[in-house]
């Protein structure tokens, strides 16, 4: 794909992201202070058996994410 990191996510554990958000107008995925774009809406909303894959993956990688 053409998606690129346009703003890096801090690498220190104390600075790990606590949230993420998607803007479908700008096709930008915000992960804490990081930004990735362009992310097509179809990629962000992709589902397998009702599981939104990108959102689920991100939830497990947040500072206080799922499974922690």
PDB file of N, CA and C in Angstrom:
ATOM      1  N   UNK A   1       0.805  -1.182   0.000  1.00  0.00           N
ATOM      2  CA  UNK A   1       0.000   0.000   0.000  1.00  0.00           C
ATOM      3  C   UNK A   1       0.854   1.255   0.000  1.00  0.00           C
ATOM      4  N   UNK A   2       0.181   2.361   0.037  1.00  0.00           N
ATOM      5  CA  UNK A   2       0.855   3.658  -0.008  1.00  0.00           C
ATOM      6  C   UNK A   2       0.923   4.335   1.349  1.00  0.00           C
ATOM      7  N   UNK A   3       0.404   3.705   2.385  1.00  0.00           N
ATOM      8  CA  UNK A   3       0.393   4.326   3.711  1.00  0.00           C
ATOM      9  C   UNK A   3       1.811   4.523   4.219  1.00  0.00           C
ATOM     10  N   UNK A   4       2.018   5.666   4.843  1.00  0.00           N
ATOM     11  CA  UNK A   4       3.327   6.003   5.409  1.00  0.00           C
ATOM     12  C   UNK A   4       3.128   6.580   6.802  1.00  0.00           C
ATOM     13  N   UNK A   5       4.147   6.418   7.617  1.00  0.00           N
ATOM     14  CA  UNK A   5       4.166   7.064   8.922  1.00  0.00           C
ATOM     15  C   UNK A   5       4.539   8.521   8.677  1.00  0.00           C
ATOM     16  N   UNK A   6       3.619   9.438   8.969  1.00  0.00           N
ATOM     17  CA  UNK A   6       3.882  10.857   8.750  1.00  0.00           C
ATOM     18  C   UNK A   6       4.281  11.565  10.039  1.00  0.00           C
ATOM     19  N   UNK A   7       4.076  10.906  11.173  1.00  0.00           N
ATOM     20  CA  UNK A   7       4.502  11.411  12.485  1.00  0.00           C
ATOM     21  C   UNK A   7       4.772  10.187  13.349  1.00  0.00           C
ATOM     22  N   UNK A   8       6.003  10.038  13.810  1.00  0.00           N
ATOM     23  CA  UNK A   8       6.398   8.837  14.553  1.00  0.00           C
ATOM     24  C   UNK A   8       5.718   8.745  15.920  1.00  0.00           C
ATOM     25  N   UNK A   9       5.508   7.515  16.346  1.00  0.00           N
ATOM     26  CA  UNK A   9       5.001   7.231  17.688  1.00  0.00           C
ATOM     27  C   UNK A   9       6.211   7.174  18.616  1.00  0.00           C
ATOM     28  N   UNK A  10       6.172   7.867  19.753  1.00  0.00           N
ATOM     29  CA  UNK A  10       7.310   7.808  20.683  1.00  0.00           C
ATOM     30  C   UNK A  10       7.636   6.369  21.064  1.00  0.00           C
ATOM     31  N   UNK A  11       8.925   6.068  21.214  1.00  0.00           N
ATOM     32  CA  UNK A  11       9.361   4.702  21.463  1.00  0.00           C
ATOM     33  C   UNK A  11       9.506   4.305  22.920  1.00  0.00           C
ATOM     34  N   UNK A  12       9.517   5.278  23.836  1.00  0.00           N
ATOM     35  CA  UNK A  12       9.669   4.938  25.249  1.00  0.00           C
ATOM     36  C   UNK A  12       8.366   4.358  25.790  1.00  0.00           C
ATOM     37  N   UNK A  13       8.435   3.281  26.581  1.00  0.00           N
ATOM     38  CA  UNK A  13       7.216   2.688  27.140  1.00  0.00           C
ATOM     39  C   UNK A  13       6.328   3.692  27.881  1.00  0.00           C
ATOM     40  N   UNK A  14       6.919   4.652  28.550  1.00  0.00           N
ATOM     41  CA  UNK A  14       6.113   5.641  29.278  1.00  0.00           C
ATOM     42  C   UNK A  14       5.333   6.553  28.331  1.00  0.00           C
ATOM     43  N   UNK A  15       5.752   6.615  27.074  1.00  0.00           N
ATOM     44  CA  UNK A  15       5.087   7.458  26.077  1.00  0.00           C
ATOM     45  C   UNK A  15       4.213   6.662  25.110  1.00  0.00           C
ATOM     46  N   UNK A  16       4.027   5.368  25.365  1.00  0.00           N
ATOM     47  CA  UNK A  16       3.202   4.557  24.468  1.00  0.00           C
ATOM     48  C   UNK A  16       1.805   5.169  24.351  1.00  0.00           C
ATOM     49  N   UNK A  17       1.181   5.039  23.193  1.00  0.00           N
ATOM     50  CA  UNK A  17      -0.136   5.632  22.986  1.00  0.00           C
ATOM     51  C   UNK A  17      -1.208   4.999  23.867  1.00  0.00           C
ATOM     52  N   UNK A  18      -2.161   5.830  24.247  1.00  0.00           N
ATOM     53  CA  UNK A  18      -3.290   5.369  25.055  1.00  0.00           C
ATOM     54  C   UNK A  18      -4.567   5.291  24.244  1.00  0.00           C
ATOM     55  N   UNK A  19      -4.548   5.846  23.027  1.00  0.00           N
ATOM     56  CA  UNK A  19      -5.751   5.832  22.203  1.00  0.00           C
ATOM     57  C   UNK A  19      -5.379   5.929  20.725  1.00  0.00           C
ATOM     58  N   UNK A  20      -6.365   5.651  19.896  1.00  0.00           N
ATOM     59  CA  UNK A  20      -6.212   5.814  18.449  1.00  0.00           C
ATOM     60  C   UNK A  20      -7.520   6.332  17.889  1.00  0.00           C
ATOM     61  N   UNK A  21      -7.433   6.946  16.711  1.00  0.00           N
ATOM     62  CA  UNK A  21      -8.598   7.543  16.092  1.00  0.00           C
ATOM     63  C   UNK A  21      -8.367   7.547  14.586  1.00  0.00           C
ATOM     64  N   UNK A  22      -9.452   7.473  13.833  1.00  0.00           N
ATOM     65  CA  UNK A  22      -9.351   7.491  12.377  1.00  0.00           C
ATOM     66  C   UNK A  22     -10.200   8.625  11.819  1.00  0.00           C
ATOM     67  N   UNK A  23      -9.639   9.392  10.892  1.00  0.00           N
ATOM     68  CA  UNK A  23     -10.364  10.450  10.200  1.00  0.00           C
ATOM     69  C   UNK A  23     -10.541  10.007   8.754  1.00  0.00           C
ATOM     70  N   UNK A  24     -11.780   9.661   8.386  1.00  0.00           N
ATOM     71  CA  UNK A  24     -11.999   9.139   7.034  1.00  0.00           C
ATOM     72  C   UNK A  24     -11.901  10.224   5.963  1.00  0.00           C
ATOM     73  N   UNK A  25     -12.112  11.486   6.318  1.00  0.00           N
ATOM     74  CA  UNK A  25     -11.993  12.571   5.341  1.00  0.00           C
ATOM     75  C   UNK A  25     -10.549  12.735   4.882  1.00  0.00           C
ATOM     76  N   UNK A  26      -9.620  12.756   5.838  1.00  0.00           N
ATOM     77  CA  UNK A  26      -8.199  12.910   5.495  1.00  0.00           C
ATOM     78  C   UNK A  26      -7.496  11.567   5.318  1.00  0.00           C
ATOM     79  N   UNK A  27      -8.214  10.471   5.611  1.00  0.00           N
ATOM     80  CA  UNK A  27      -7.678   9.108   5.555  1.00  0.00           C
ATOM     81  C   UNK A  27      -6.426   8.978   6.419  1.00  0.00           C
ATOM     82  N   UNK A  28      -6.511   9.562   7.618  1.00  0.00           N
ATOM     83  CA  UNK A  28      -5.389   9.543   8.547  1.00  0.00           C
ATOM     84  C   UNK A  28      -5.742   8.734   9.783  1.00  0.00           C
ATOM     85  N   UNK A  29      -4.833   7.849  10.160  1.00  0.00           N
ATOM     86  CA  UNK A  29      -4.957   7.071  11.391  1.00  0.00           C
ATOM     87  C   UNK A  29      -4.031   7.706  12.416  1.00  0.00           C
ATOM     88  N   UNK A  30      -4.607   8.149  13.520  1.00  0.00           N
ATOM     89  CA  UNK A  30      -3.849   8.756  14.613  1.00  0.00           C
ATOM     90  C   UNK A  30      -3.683   7.706  15.700  1.00  0.00           C
ATOM     91  N   UNK A  31      -2.438   7.441  16.071  1.00  0.00           N
ATOM     92  CA  UNK A  31      -2.136   6.471  17.127  1.00  0.00           C
ATOM     93  C   UNK A  31      -1.326   7.231  18.169  1.00  0.00           C
ATOM     94  N   UNK A  32      -2.000   7.655  19.242  1.00  0.00           N
ATOM     95  CA  UNK A  32      -1.342   8.538  20.195  1.00  0.00           C
ATOM     96  C   UNK A  32      -0.876   9.783  19.465  1.00  0.00           C
ATOM     97  N   UNK A  33       0.418  10.088  19.557  1.00  0.00           N
ATOM     98  CA  UNK A  33       0.989  11.250  18.869  1.00  0.00           C
ATOM     99  C   UNK A  33       1.411  10.919  17.439  1.00  0.00           C
ATOM    100  N   UNK A  34       1.296   9.654  17.044  1.00  0.00           N
ATOM    101  CA  UNK A  34       1.694   9.229  15.712  1.00  0.00           C
ATOM    102  C   UNK A  34       0.584   9.382  14.692  1.00  0.00           C
ATOM    103  N   UNK A  35       0.985   9.467  13.424  1.00  0.00           N
ATOM    104  CA  UNK A  35       0.029   9.596  12.323  1.00  0.00           C
ATOM    105  C   UNK A  35       0.468   8.729  11.147  1.00  0.00           C
ATOM    106  N   UNK A  36      -0.519   8.084  10.519  1.00  0.00           N
ATOM    107  CA  UNK A  36      -0.276   7.255   9.343  1.00  0.00           C
ATOM    108  C   UNK A  36      -1.292   7.635   8.283  1.00  0.00           C
ATOM    109  N   UNK A  37      -0.805   7.802   7.043  1.00  0.00           N
ATOM    110  CA  UNK A  37      -1.727   8.163   5.987  1.00  0.00           C
ATOM    111  C   UNK A  37      -1.086   7.902   4.626  1.00  0.00           C
ATOM    112  N   UNK A  38      -1.834   7.697   3.574  1.00  0.00           N
ATOM    113  CA  UNK A  38      -3.279   7.542   3.583  1.00  0.00           C
ATOM    114  C   UNK A  38      -3.682   6.103   3.928  1.00  0.00           C
ATOM    115  N   UNK A  39      -4.666   5.983   4.769  1.00  0.00           N
ATOM    116  CA  UNK A  39      -5.252   4.689   5.121  1.00  0.00           C
ATOM    117  C   UNK A  39      -6.676   4.699   4.568  1.00  0.00           C
ATOM    118  N   UNK A  40      -6.947   3.865   3.589  1.00  0.00           N
ATOM    119  CA  UNK A  40      -8.278   3.824   2.982  1.00  0.00           C
ATOM    120  C   UNK A  40      -9.320   3.406   4.020  1.00  0.00           C
ATOM    121  N   UNK A  41     -10.516   3.999   3.967  1.00  0.00           N
ATOM    122  CA  UNK A  41     -11.571   3.601   4.900  1.00  0.00           C
ATOM    123  C   UNK A  41     -11.840   2.096   4.867  1.00  0.00           C
ATOM    124  N   UNK A  42     -11.735   1.490   3.691  1.00  0.00           N
ATOM    125  CA  UNK A  42     -11.985   0.048   3.585  1.00  0.00           C
ATOM    126  C   UNK A  42     -10.955  -0.766   4.363  1.00  0.00           C
ATOM    127  N   UNK A  43      -9.738  -0.258   4.493  1.00  0.00           N
ATOM    128  CA  UNK A  43      -8.704  -0.939   5.283  1.00  0.00           C
ATOM    129  C   UNK A  43      -9.026  -0.799   6.763  1.00  0.00           C
ATOM    130  N   UNK A  44      -9.334   0.417   7.204  1.00  0.00           N
ATOM    131  CA  UNK A  44      -9.618   0.649   8.619  1.00  0.00           C
ATOM    132  C   UNK A  44     -10.853  -0.131   9.073  1.00  0.00           C
ATOM    133  N   UNK A  45     -11.848  -0.249   8.206  1.00  0.00           N
ATOM    134  CA  UNK A  45     -13.106  -0.919   8.562  1.00  0.00           C
ATOM    135  C   UNK A  45     -13.122  -2.410   8.213  1.00  0.00           C
ATOM    136  N   UNK A  46     -12.033  -2.955   7.687  1.00  0.00           N
ATOM    137  CA  UNK A  46     -11.990  -4.359   7.272  1.00  0.00           C
ATOM    138  C   UNK A  46     -12.375  -5.276   8.428  1.00  0.00           C
ATOM    139  N   UNK A  47     -13.270  -6.234   8.153  1.00  0.00           N
ATOM    140  CA  UNK A  47     -13.769  -7.159   9.171  1.00  0.00           C
ATOM    141  C   UNK A  47     -13.609  -8.605   8.733  1.00  0.00           C
ATOM    142  N   UNK A  48     -13.379  -9.466   9.706  1.00  0.00           N
ATOM    143  CA  UNK A  48     -13.406 -10.911   9.514  1.00  0.00           C
ATOM    144  C   UNK A  48     -14.321 -11.458  10.599  1.00  0.00           C
ATOM    145  N   UNK A  49     -15.432 -12.051  10.197  1.00  0.00           N
ATOM    146  CA  UNK A  49     -16.417 -12.601  11.138  1.00  0.00           C
ATOM    147  C   UNK A  49     -16.816 -11.579  12.201  1.00  0.00           C
ATOM    148  N   UNK A  50     -16.991 -10.326  11.783  1.00  0.00           N
ATOM    149  CA  UNK A  50     -17.422  -9.272  12.691  1.00  0.00           C
ATOM    150  C   UNK A  50     -16.305  -8.600  13.474  1.00  0.00           C
ATOM    151  N   UNK A  51     -15.077  -9.105  13.371  1.00  0.00           N
ATOM    152  CA  UNK A  51     -13.937  -8.519  14.078  1.00  0.00           C
ATOM    153  C   UNK A  51     -13.279  -7.473  13.188  1.00  0.00           C
ATOM    154  N   UNK A  52     -13.236  -6.232  13.649  1.00  0.00           N
ATOM    155  CA  UNK A  52     -12.548  -5.174  12.903  1.00  0.00           C
ATOM    156  C   UNK A  52     -11.057  -5.343  13.165  1.00  0.00           C
ATOM    157  N   UNK A  53     -10.346  -5.846  12.173  1.00  0.00           N
ATOM    158  CA  UNK A  53      -8.970  -6.316  12.316  1.00  0.00           C
ATOM    159  C   UNK A  53      -8.005  -5.222  12.781  1.00  0.00           C
ATOM    160  N   UNK A  54      -7.973  -4.090  12.109  1.00  0.00           N
ATOM    161  CA  UNK A  54      -7.025  -3.023  12.461  1.00  0.00           C
ATOM    162  C   UNK A  54      -7.312  -2.501  13.862  1.00  0.00           C
ATOM    163  N   UNK A  55      -8.574  -2.256  14.160  1.00  0.00           N
ATOM    164  CA  UNK A  55      -8.935  -1.720  15.470  1.00  0.00           C
ATOM    165  C   UNK A  55      -8.609  -2.711  16.581  1.00  0.00           C
ATOM    166  N   UNK A  56      -8.856  -3.989  16.357  1.00  0.00           N
ATOM    167  CA  UNK A  56      -8.531  -5.007  17.351  1.00  0.00           C
ATOM    168  C   UNK A  56      -7.028  -5.075  17.585  1.00  0.00           C
ATOM    169  N   UNK A  57      -6.253  -5.065  16.512  1.00  0.00           N
ATOM    170  CA  UNK A  57      -4.792  -5.123  16.623  1.00  0.00           C
ATOM    171  C   UNK A  57      -4.278  -3.935  17.427  1.00  0.00           C
ATOM    172  N   UNK A  58      -4.808  -2.747  17.131  1.00  0.00           N
ATOM    173  CA  UNK A  58      -4.371  -1.547  17.844  1.00  0.00           C
ATOM    174  C   UNK A  58      -4.753  -1.583  19.321  1.00  0.00           C
ATOM    175  N   UNK A  59      -5.938  -2.079  19.631  1.00  0.00           N
ATOM    176  CA  UNK A  59      -6.382  -2.138  21.037  1.00  0.00           C
ATOM    177  C   UNK A  59      -5.416  -2.942  21.892  1.00  0.00           C
ATOM    178  N   UNK A  60      -4.845  -3.979  21.344  1.00  0.00           N
ATOM    179  CA  UNK A  60      -3.898  -4.807  22.101  1.00  0.00           C
ATOM    180  C   UNK A  60      -2.528  -4.149  22.237  1.00  0.00           C
ATOM    181  N   UNK A  61      -2.294  -3.079  21.491  1.00  0.00           N
ATOM    182  CA  UNK A  61      -0.983  -2.439  21.517  1.00  0.00           C
ATOM    183  C   UNK A  61      -0.971  -1.071  22.191  1.00  0.00           C
ATOM    184  N   UNK A  62      -2.093  -0.710  22.780  1.00  0.00           N
ATOM    185  CA  UNK A  62      -2.146   0.539  23.528  1.00  0.00           C
ATOM    186  C   UNK A  62      -1.472   0.357  24.887  1.00  0.00           C
ATOM    187  N   UNK A  63      -1.104   1.458  25.491  1.00  0.00           N
ATOM    188  CA  UNK A  63      -0.422   1.444  26.793  1.00  0.00           C
ATOM    189  C   UNK A  63      -1.185   0.597  27.811  1.00  0.00           C
ATOM    190  N   UNK A  64      -2.485   0.778  27.880  1.00  0.00           N
ATOM    191  CA  UNK A  64      -3.333   0.000  28.790  1.00  0.00           C
ATOM    192  C   UNK A  64      -4.343  -0.777  27.966  1.00  0.00           C
ATOM    193  N   UNK A  65      -3.855  -1.476  26.971  1.00  0.00           N
ATOM    194  CA  UNK A  65      -4.713  -2.107  25.982  1.00  0.00           C
ATOM    195  C   UNK A  65      -5.433  -3.355  26.436  1.00  0.00           C
ATOM    196  N   UNK A  66      -6.211  -3.875  25.519  1.00  0.00           N
ATOM    197  CA  UNK A  66      -6.958  -5.105  25.745  1.00  0.00           C
ATOM    198  C   UNK A  66      -5.996  -6.217  26.139  1.00  0.00           C
ATOM    199  N   UNK A  67      -6.398  -7.033  27.067  1.00  0.00           N
ATOM    200  CA  UNK A  67      -5.574  -8.166  27.483  1.00  0.00           C
ATOM    201  C   UNK A  67      -4.531  -7.828  28.532  1.00  0.00           C
ATOM    202  N   UNK A  68      -4.482  -6.578  28.980  1.00  0.00           N
ATOM    203  CA  UNK A  68      -3.484  -6.192  29.996  1.00  0.00           C
ATOM    204  C   UNK A  68      -4.134  -6.044  31.352  1.00  0.00           C
TER     205      UNK A  68
END
